[in-house]
């Protein structure tokens, strides 16, 4: 994404309009499967979990199905609607949905959870990636899972004063879009850019399309880092890292 698009994605209003495209994307790829696989390896039933920027519930709902007590923090009304639809379809009714932004919630409400997760969301907060991560640590969860694609200028370090990385894994995962018409393809890209497309831009997009199983595909993959952090038994300061 270019800088202008990145700025737009930090606004709740962008996601209210983008939810229809997010649904289309989520229905046609297996992006979250590696992250869900990691969660199934380490999470235990009964854990209290906070999902920051839960979107359509791609991680919240599997955790709830595992028997966790999940709070899904999602400020976009349209994205929450996707979550409710998915929860109804999967007959999952034990997720608490909170419509606030991470930067707006009082810290005391989410202290000492077993797990806080954030998948490609911390850089979208008004606090920025570093500020949002610092607030997570301040809430003192036992475990933290950060799943993120590369965010320019931001890194996940392997040790912090209160938490340290116990597992780190990078995987290539499917991020393809499957469309039902050329009009849908171009409409999606117009929304992402927030303007009409030039003729050359349209041709460049059309050149990327493949036809398969009755869909128009733009095949993509993403490299996602998954960082599982544990609370330290004793805090240490940055100078000791």
Protein backbone atom coordinates (compact mmCIF):
# COMPACT_ATOMS: atom_id res chain seq x y z
CA UNK A 1 0.00 0.00 0.00
CA UNK A 2 1.20 3.55 -0.68
CA UNK A 3 1.35 6.23 2.02
CA UNK A 4 -2.05 7.76 1.19
CA UNK A 5 -3.77 4.37 1.39
CA UNK A 6 -2.00 3.56 4.67
CA UNK A 7 -3.27 6.80 6.19
CA UNK A 8 -6.84 5.94 5.19
CA UNK A 9 -6.65 2.49 6.76
CA UNK A 10 -6.09 4.03 10.20
CA UNK A 11 -9.61 5.48 10.10
CA UNK A 12 -12.60 3.50 11.35
CA UNK A 13 -14.62 4.91 8.45
CA UNK A 14 -12.31 3.18 5.97
CA UNK A 15 -13.10 -0.22 7.49
CA UNK A 16 -16.83 0.52 7.59
CA UNK A 17 -16.65 0.87 3.81
CA UNK A 18 -14.06 -1.86 3.31
CA UNK A 19 -15.95 -4.61 5.17
CA UNK A 20 -17.60 -5.88 1.98
CA UNK A 21 -14.15 -6.35 0.43
CA UNK A 22 -12.75 -7.90 3.60
CA UNK A 23 -15.56 -10.46 3.50
CA UNK A 24 -14.74 -11.24 -0.13
CA UNK A 25 -11.07 -11.63 0.74
CA UNK A 26 -11.69 -13.82 3.80
CA UNK A 27 -13.99 -16.13 1.85
CA UNK A 28 -11.36 -16.89 -0.78
CA UNK A 29 -8.08 -17.56 1.04
CA UNK A 30 -6.52 -19.31 4.02
CA UNK A 31 -4.58 -16.32 5.35
CA UNK A 32 -5.26 -16.91 9.04
CA UNK A 33 -4.72 -20.69 9.08
CA UNK A 34 -1.06 -20.59 10.26
CA UNK A 35 -1.97 -18.19 13.07
CA UNK A 36 -4.92 -20.35 14.16
CA UNK A 37 -2.61 -23.37 14.04
CA UNK A 38 -0.19 -21.69 16.46
CA UNK A 39 -3.03 -20.73 18.80
CA UNK A 40 -4.30 -24.31 18.87
CA UNK A 41 -0.84 -25.48 19.90
CA UNK A 42 -0.46 -23.23 22.92
CA UNK A 43 -3.81 -21.85 24.12
CA UNK A 44 -5.77 -23.68 26.80
CA UNK A 45 -9.56 -23.76 27.33
CA UNK A 46 -10.76 -21.24 29.88
CA UNK A 47 -8.17 -18.58 29.07
CA UNK A 48 -9.27 -14.95 29.11
CA UNK A 49 -8.32 -13.52 25.73
CA UNK A 50 -8.42 -10.00 24.32
CA UNK A 51 -8.36 -9.69 20.51
CA UNK A 52 -7.38 -6.14 19.48
CA UNK A 53 -8.92 -5.24 16.13
CA UNK A 54 -10.84 -8.48 15.84
CA UNK A 55 -12.30 -7.76 12.40
CA UNK A 56 -14.63 -10.54 11.28
CA UNK A 57 -13.61 -12.75 14.20
CA UNK A 58 -11.08 -14.80 12.22
CA UNK A 59 -9.13 -15.42 15.45
CA UNK A 60 -11.72 -14.63 18.12
CA UNK A 61 -14.20 -17.25 16.96
CA UNK A 62 -11.77 -20.21 16.82
CA UNK A 63 -10.55 -19.25 20.30
CA UNK A 64 -14.12 -19.12 21.60
CA UNK A 65 -14.77 -22.51 20.00
CA UNK A 66 -11.77 -23.82 21.96
CA UNK A 67 -13.46 -22.76 25.20
CA UNK A 68 -11.73 -19.42 25.78
CA UNK A 69 -13.43 -16.37 27.27
CA UNK A 70 -12.87 -13.92 24.41
CA UNK A 71 -13.33 -10.16 24.23
CA UNK A 72 -13.24 -8.95 20.62
CA UNK A 73 -12.28 -5.29 20.38
CA UNK A 74 -13.54 -3.95 17.03
CA UNK A 75 -14.45 -0.28 16.48
CA UNK A 76 -15.84 -0.65 12.94
CA UNK A 77 -19.61 -1.21 12.86
CA UNK A 78 -19.46 -2.98 9.51
CA UNK A 79 -16.63 -5.27 10.60
CA UNK A 80 -18.55 -6.12 13.76
CA UNK A 81 -21.48 -7.09 11.57
CA UNK A 82 -19.23 -9.58 9.77
CA UNK A 83 -18.16 -10.99 13.13
CA UNK A 84 -21.76 -11.41 14.27
CA UNK A 85 -22.67 -13.10 10.97
CA UNK A 86 -19.74 -15.51 11.28
CA UNK A 87 -20.58 -16.23 14.92
CA UNK A 88 -24.19 -17.00 13.99
CA UNK A 89 -23.13 -19.20 11.07
CA UNK A 90 -20.76 -21.16 13.31
CA UNK A 91 -23.18 -21.22 16.26
CA UNK A 92 -20.72 -19.47 18.57
CA UNK A 93 -22.31 -17.21 21.18
CA UNK A 94 -19.61 -16.81 23.84
CA UNK A 95 -17.67 -13.86 22.40
CA UNK A 96 -18.04 -10.45 24.04
CA UNK A 97 -17.79 -7.75 21.36
CA UNK A 98 -16.52 -4.31 22.39
CA UNK A 99 -16.88 -1.39 19.94
CA UNK A 100 -14.08 0.77 21.37
CA UNK A 101 -10.61 1.45 20.01
CA UNK A 102 -7.59 0.13 21.89
CA UNK A 103 -6.33 3.64 22.49
CA UNK A 104 -9.64 4.61 24.13
CA UNK A 105 -10.21 1.78 26.60
CA UNK A 106 -9.18 2.22 30.25
CA UNK A 107 -6.26 -0.07 30.97
CA UNK A 108 -7.72 -1.42 34.23
CA UNK A 109 -10.53 -3.14 32.30
CA UNK A 110 -8.12 -5.52 30.59
CA UNK A 111 -5.48 -6.21 33.21
CA UNK A 112 -3.94 -9.65 33.76
CA UNK A 113 -5.55 -11.49 30.85
CA UNK A 114 -4.09 -14.85 29.90
CA UNK A 115 -3.55 -13.69 26.33
CA UNK A 116 -3.74 -10.51 24.26
CA UNK A 117 -3.57 -10.93 20.49
CA UNK A 118 -3.19 -8.41 17.70
CA UNK A 119 -3.11 -9.43 14.04
CA UNK A 120 -2.05 -6.63 11.68
CA UNK A 121 -3.79 -4.02 13.83
CA UNK A 122 -1.40 -2.21 16.16
CA UNK A 123 -0.07 0.11 13.44
CA UNK A 124 -3.67 1.14 12.66
CA UNK A 125 -4.28 2.59 16.13
CA UNK A 126 -4.03 6.27 16.97
CA UNK A 127 -1.14 5.34 19.28
CA UNK A 128 0.91 3.78 16.51
CA UNK A 129 2.55 0.34 16.65
CA UNK A 130 5.01 1.08 19.46
CA UNK A 131 2.49 2.91 21.65
CA UNK A 132 -0.16 0.23 21.22
CA UNK A 133 2.34 -2.52 22.06
CA UNK A 134 3.51 -0.60 25.13
CA UNK A 135 -0.10 -0.40 26.33
CA UNK A 136 -0.46 -4.17 25.90
CA UNK A 137 2.57 -4.74 28.11
CA UNK A 138 1.19 -2.26 30.65
CA UNK A 139 -1.93 -4.46 30.92
CA UNK A 140 0.44 -7.25 32.08
CA UNK A 141 -1.04 -10.25 30.21
CA UNK A 142 0.57 -13.64 30.80
CA UNK A 143 1.02 -14.06 27.03
CA UNK A 144 0.95 -11.87 23.93
CA UNK A 145 0.66 -12.91 20.29
CA UNK A 146 1.64 -10.34 17.69
CA UNK A 147 1.00 -11.44 14.10
CA UNK A 148 2.10 -8.85 11.60
CA UNK A 149 3.27 -8.26 8.09
CA UNK A 150 6.15 -5.86 7.65
CA UNK A 151 5.32 -2.38 8.92
CA UNK A 152 7.87 0.17 7.66
CA UNK A 153 9.84 1.64 10.54
CA UNK A 154 8.52 -0.85 13.11
CA UNK A 155 10.06 -4.03 14.48
CA UNK A 156 9.11 -6.61 17.08
CA UNK A 157 12.10 -7.01 19.37
CA UNK A 158 12.83 -10.30 21.07
CA UNK A 159 12.98 -8.96 24.61
CA UNK A 160 11.19 -6.22 26.53
CA UNK A 161 11.33 -5.20 30.19
CA UNK A 162 8.18 -7.15 31.07
CA UNK A 163 7.91 -9.78 28.31
CA UNK A 164 10.20 -11.85 26.14
CA UNK A 165 9.65 -13.76 22.90
CA UNK A 166 9.26 -17.49 23.57
CA UNK A 167 8.37 -18.41 19.98
CA UNK A 168 8.94 -16.64 16.70
CA UNK A 169 7.95 -17.90 13.29
CA UNK A 170 7.63 -16.39 9.85
CA UNK A 171 5.40 -17.97 7.26
CA UNK A 172 4.23 -17.32 3.72
CA UNK A 173 0.45 -17.38 3.67
CA UNK A 174 -2.25 -17.04 1.02
CA UNK A 175 -3.67 -13.52 0.62
CA UNK A 176 -5.47 -13.92 -2.70
CA UNK A 177 -8.69 -12.23 -3.79
CA UNK A 178 -11.37 -14.12 -5.68
CA UNK A 179 -13.84 -11.91 -7.55
CA UNK A 180 -17.07 -12.59 -9.40
CA UNK A 181 -16.77 -9.95 -12.15
CA UNK A 182 -14.34 -7.47 -13.66
CA UNK A 183 -16.52 -4.67 -12.35
CA UNK A 184 -16.02 -6.02 -8.83
CA UNK A 185 -12.24 -6.11 -9.32
CA UNK A 186 -12.04 -2.50 -10.46
CA UNK A 187 -14.52 -1.25 -7.87
CA UNK A 188 -12.41 -2.80 -5.11
CA UNK A 189 -9.24 -1.10 -6.32
CA UNK A 190 -11.03 2.23 -6.68
CA UNK A 191 -12.10 1.99 -3.05
CA UNK A 192 -8.59 1.14 -1.88
CA UNK A 193 -7.15 4.15 -3.68
CA UNK A 194 -10.05 6.43 -2.81
CA UNK A 195 -10.37 7.71 -6.38
CA UNK A 196 -11.05 6.72 -9.98
CA UNK A 197 -8.40 4.64 -11.73
CA UNK A 198 -6.44 5.78 -14.73
CA UNK A 199 -6.55 3.70 -17.90
CA UNK A 200 -2.99 2.46 -17.36
CA UNK A 201 -3.85 1.48 -13.79
CA UNK A 202 -6.87 -0.50 -14.97
CA UNK A 203 -4.80 -2.33 -17.57
CA UNK A 204 -2.13 -3.15 -14.97
CA UNK A 205 -4.78 -4.64 -12.67
CA UNK A 206 -6.40 -6.61 -15.49
CA UNK A 207 -3.00 -8.06 -16.45
CA UNK A 208 -2.78 -9.63 -12.97
CA UNK A 209 -6.12 -11.44 -13.24
CA UNK A 210 -6.33 -15.19 -13.74
CA UNK A 211 -9.52 -17.19 -14.27
CA UNK A 212 -10.04 -20.31 -12.19
CA UNK A 213 -13.06 -22.22 -10.84
CA UNK A 214 -15.52 -19.61 -12.08
CA UNK A 215 -13.74 -16.73 -10.35
CA UNK A 216 -11.43 -13.92 -11.37
CA UNK A 217 -8.36 -14.18 -9.18
CA UNK A 218 -5.62 -11.82 -8.16
CA UNK A 219 -3.22 -14.27 -6.57
CA UNK A 220 -1.10 -12.90 -3.76
CA UNK A 221 0.79 -14.16 -0.75
CA UNK A 222 1.96 -12.40 2.39
CA UNK A 223 4.88 -12.95 4.71
CA UNK A 224 3.58 -12.88 8.28
CA UNK A 225 5.68 -12.86 11.44
CA UNK A 226 4.16 -14.51 14.51
CA UNK A 227 5.67 -13.59 17.88
CA UNK A 228 4.55 -15.34 21.05
CA UNK A 229 5.69 -13.47 24.15
CA UNK A 230 5.59 -14.59 27.79
CA UNK A 231 5.53 -12.41 30.86
CA UNK A 232 8.91 -12.30 32.57
CA UNK A 233 9.12 -13.64 36.11
CA UNK A 234 11.17 -10.59 37.06
CA UNK A 235 11.15 -7.30 35.11
CA UNK A 236 14.41 -6.05 33.66
CA UNK A 237 15.31 -2.80 31.96
CA UNK A 238 16.23 -2.27 28.30
CA UNK A 239 19.91 -1.76 29.16
CA UNK A 240 20.16 -5.45 30.03
CA UNK A 241 18.99 -6.69 26.60
